[in-house]
Amino acid sequence: MKNLVSRFFKDESGATAIEYGLIAALIAVVIISAVTLLGTSLESTFETVEEALG
């Protein structure tokens, strides 16, 4: 039984999966923020071009 508990506390595979999940979530937040900011900028640019053409 001691051996089983000892192996359980030494096992770090779950921690690695959580770290990868956190990294993926952080990357997703950065991508969503960048797309939102870029989308707003592009919208105003296209509106300016539309006004110039029309």
N, C-alpha and C. Protein backbone atom coordinates (compact mmCIF):
# COMPACT_ATOMS: atom_id res chain seq x y z
N MET A 1 0.83 -1.20 0.00
CA MET A 1 0.00 0.00 0.00
C MET A 1 0.88 1.27 0.00
N LYS A 2 1.98 1.24 0.78
CA LYS A 2 2.89 2.37 0.81
C LYS A 2 3.47 2.66 -0.57
N ASN A 3 3.79 1.59 -1.27
CA ASN A 3 4.35 1.73 -2.60
C ASN A 3 3.36 2.39 -3.56
N LEU A 4 2.10 2.03 -3.46
CA LEU A 4 1.06 2.61 -4.31
C LEU A 4 0.90 4.10 -4.05
N VAL A 5 0.87 4.49 -2.79
CA VAL A 5 0.74 5.91 -2.43
C VAL A 5 1.98 6.68 -2.88
N SER A 6 3.14 6.08 -2.71
CA SER A 6 4.38 6.72 -3.13
C SER A 6 4.40 6.96 -4.63
N ARG A 7 3.99 5.97 -5.41
CA ARG A 7 3.94 6.13 -6.88
C ARG A 7 2.92 7.19 -7.27
N PHE A 8 1.80 7.26 -6.55
CA PHE A 8 0.76 8.24 -6.86
C PHE A 8 1.29 9.66 -6.70
N PHE A 9 2.04 9.92 -5.64
CA PHE A 9 2.56 11.27 -5.41
C PHE A 9 3.72 11.62 -6.34
N LYS A 10 4.43 10.64 -6.86
CA LYS A 10 5.54 10.90 -7.78
C LYS A 10 5.09 11.05 -9.23
N ASP A 11 3.87 10.63 -9.54
CA ASP A 11 3.37 10.69 -10.91
C ASP A 11 3.05 12.13 -11.27
N GLU A 12 3.69 12.66 -12.32
CA GLU A 12 3.50 14.05 -12.73
C GLU A 12 2.81 14.18 -14.09
N SER A 13 2.28 13.12 -14.62
CA SER A 13 1.67 13.18 -15.95
C SER A 13 0.40 14.04 -15.95
N GLY A 14 -0.33 14.03 -14.87
CA GLY A 14 -1.52 14.87 -14.79
C GLY A 14 -1.17 16.35 -14.76
N ALA A 15 -0.11 16.69 -14.06
CA ALA A 15 0.33 18.08 -13.99
C ALA A 15 0.76 18.58 -15.37
N THR A 16 1.40 17.72 -16.14
CA THR A 16 1.82 18.10 -17.48
C THR A 16 0.61 18.38 -18.36
N ALA A 17 -0.40 17.56 -18.27
CA ALA A 17 -1.61 17.77 -19.07
C ALA A 17 -2.29 19.09 -18.69
N ILE A 18 -2.31 19.40 -17.42
CA ILE A 18 -2.92 20.66 -16.98
C ILE A 18 -2.11 21.84 -17.50
N GLU A 19 -0.79 21.74 -17.46
CA GLU A 19 0.05 22.82 -17.98
C GLU A 19 -0.19 23.05 -19.47
N TYR A 20 -0.26 21.97 -20.23
CA TYR A 20 -0.55 22.12 -21.66
C TYR A 20 -1.93 22.74 -21.88
N GLY A 21 -2.89 22.37 -21.08
CA GLY A 21 -4.22 22.96 -21.19
C GLY A 21 -4.20 24.45 -20.91
N LEU A 22 -3.45 24.86 -19.88
CA LEU A 22 -3.35 26.28 -19.56
C LEU A 22 -2.65 27.06 -20.67
N ILE A 23 -1.62 26.47 -21.24
CA ILE A 23 -0.91 27.13 -22.34
C ILE A 23 -1.84 27.29 -23.55
N ALA A 24 -2.59 26.25 -23.86
CA ALA A 24 -3.53 26.32 -24.99
C ALA A 24 -4.60 27.38 -24.74
N ALA A 25 -5.10 27.47 -23.51
CA ALA A 25 -6.11 28.48 -23.18
C ALA A 25 -5.53 29.89 -23.32
N LEU A 26 -4.30 30.08 -22.88
CA LEU A 26 -3.66 31.39 -23.00
C LEU A 26 -3.46 31.78 -24.46
N ILE A 27 -3.04 30.84 -25.28
CA ILE A 27 -2.86 31.11 -26.70
C ILE A 27 -4.20 31.46 -27.35
N ALA A 28 -5.26 30.76 -26.95
CA ALA A 28 -6.59 31.05 -27.50
C ALA A 28 -7.04 32.46 -27.12
N VAL A 29 -6.79 32.88 -25.90
CA VAL A 29 -7.17 34.23 -25.47
C VAL A 29 -6.40 35.28 -26.27
N VAL A 30 -5.12 35.05 -26.50
CA VAL A 30 -4.31 36.00 -27.28
C VAL A 30 -4.83 36.08 -28.72
N ILE A 31 -5.14 34.94 -29.31
CA ILE A 31 -5.64 34.93 -30.69
C ILE A 31 -6.99 35.65 -30.78
N ILE A 32 -7.89 35.38 -29.85
CA ILE A 32 -9.20 36.03 -29.87
C ILE A 32 -9.06 37.54 -29.71
N SER A 33 -8.18 37.97 -28.81
CA SER A 33 -7.96 39.41 -28.61
C SER A 33 -7.40 40.06 -29.87
N ALA A 34 -6.42 39.40 -30.49
CA ALA A 34 -5.81 39.96 -31.69
C ALA A 34 -6.82 40.06 -32.83
N VAL A 35 -7.61 39.03 -33.01
CA VAL A 35 -8.61 39.04 -34.09
C VAL A 35 -9.66 40.11 -33.84
N THR A 36 -10.07 40.28 -32.61
CA THR A 36 -11.06 41.31 -32.28
C THR A 36 -10.51 42.70 -32.57
N LEU A 37 -9.28 42.97 -32.14
CA LEU A 37 -8.69 44.29 -32.39
C LEU A 37 -8.44 44.52 -33.87
N LEU A 38 -7.94 43.52 -34.55
CA LEU A 38 -7.67 43.64 -35.98
C LEU A 38 -8.97 43.79 -36.77
N GLY A 39 -9.99 43.08 -36.36
CA GLY A 39 -11.29 43.17 -37.04
C GLY A 39 -11.87 44.56 -36.96
N THR A 40 -11.78 45.20 -35.81
CA THR A 40 -12.28 46.56 -35.66
C THR A 40 -11.50 47.53 -36.54
N SER A 41 -10.20 47.35 -36.58
CA SER A 41 -9.36 48.21 -37.41
C SER A 41 -9.68 48.01 -38.89
N LEU A 42 -9.82 46.78 -39.31
CA LEU A 42 -10.14 46.50 -40.71
C LEU A 42 -11.52 47.04 -41.10
N GLU A 43 -12.46 46.96 -40.18
CA GLU A 43 -13.80 47.47 -40.47
C GLU A 43 -13.76 48.96 -40.77
N SER A 44 -13.04 49.71 -39.95
CA SER A 44 -12.96 51.15 -40.20
C SER A 44 -12.21 51.45 -41.49
N THR A 45 -11.22 50.67 -41.82
CA THR A 45 -10.47 50.86 -43.08
C THR A 45 -11.37 50.61 -44.28
N PHE A 46 -12.16 49.53 -44.24
CA PHE A 46 -13.06 49.24 -45.35
C PHE A 46 -14.16 50.29 -45.47
N GLU A 47 -14.61 50.84 -44.36
CA GLU A 47 -15.62 51.90 -44.40
C GLU A 47 -15.04 53.15 -45.06
N THR A 48 -13.78 53.46 -44.76
CA THR A 48 -13.12 54.62 -45.37
C THR A 48 -12.98 54.42 -46.88
N VAL A 49 -12.58 53.22 -47.29
CA VAL A 49 -12.45 52.93 -48.72
C VAL A 49 -13.81 52.99 -49.41
N GLU A 50 -14.84 52.49 -48.74
CA GLU A 50 -16.19 52.50 -49.32
C GLU A 50 -16.67 53.94 -49.51
N GLU A 51 -16.41 54.80 -48.53
CA GLU A 51 -16.82 56.20 -48.66
C GLU A 51 -16.06 56.90 -49.80
N ALA A 52 -14.79 56.55 -49.95
CA ALA A 52 -13.98 57.17 -51.01
C ALA A 52 -14.46 56.73 -52.39
N LEU A 53 -14.89 55.48 -52.52
CA LEU A 53 -15.35 54.98 -53.80
C LEU A 53 -16.77 55.42 -54.12
N GLY A 54 -17.59 55.52 -53.09
CA GLY A 54 -19.01 55.83 -53.29
C GLY A 54 -19.26 57.26 -53.29
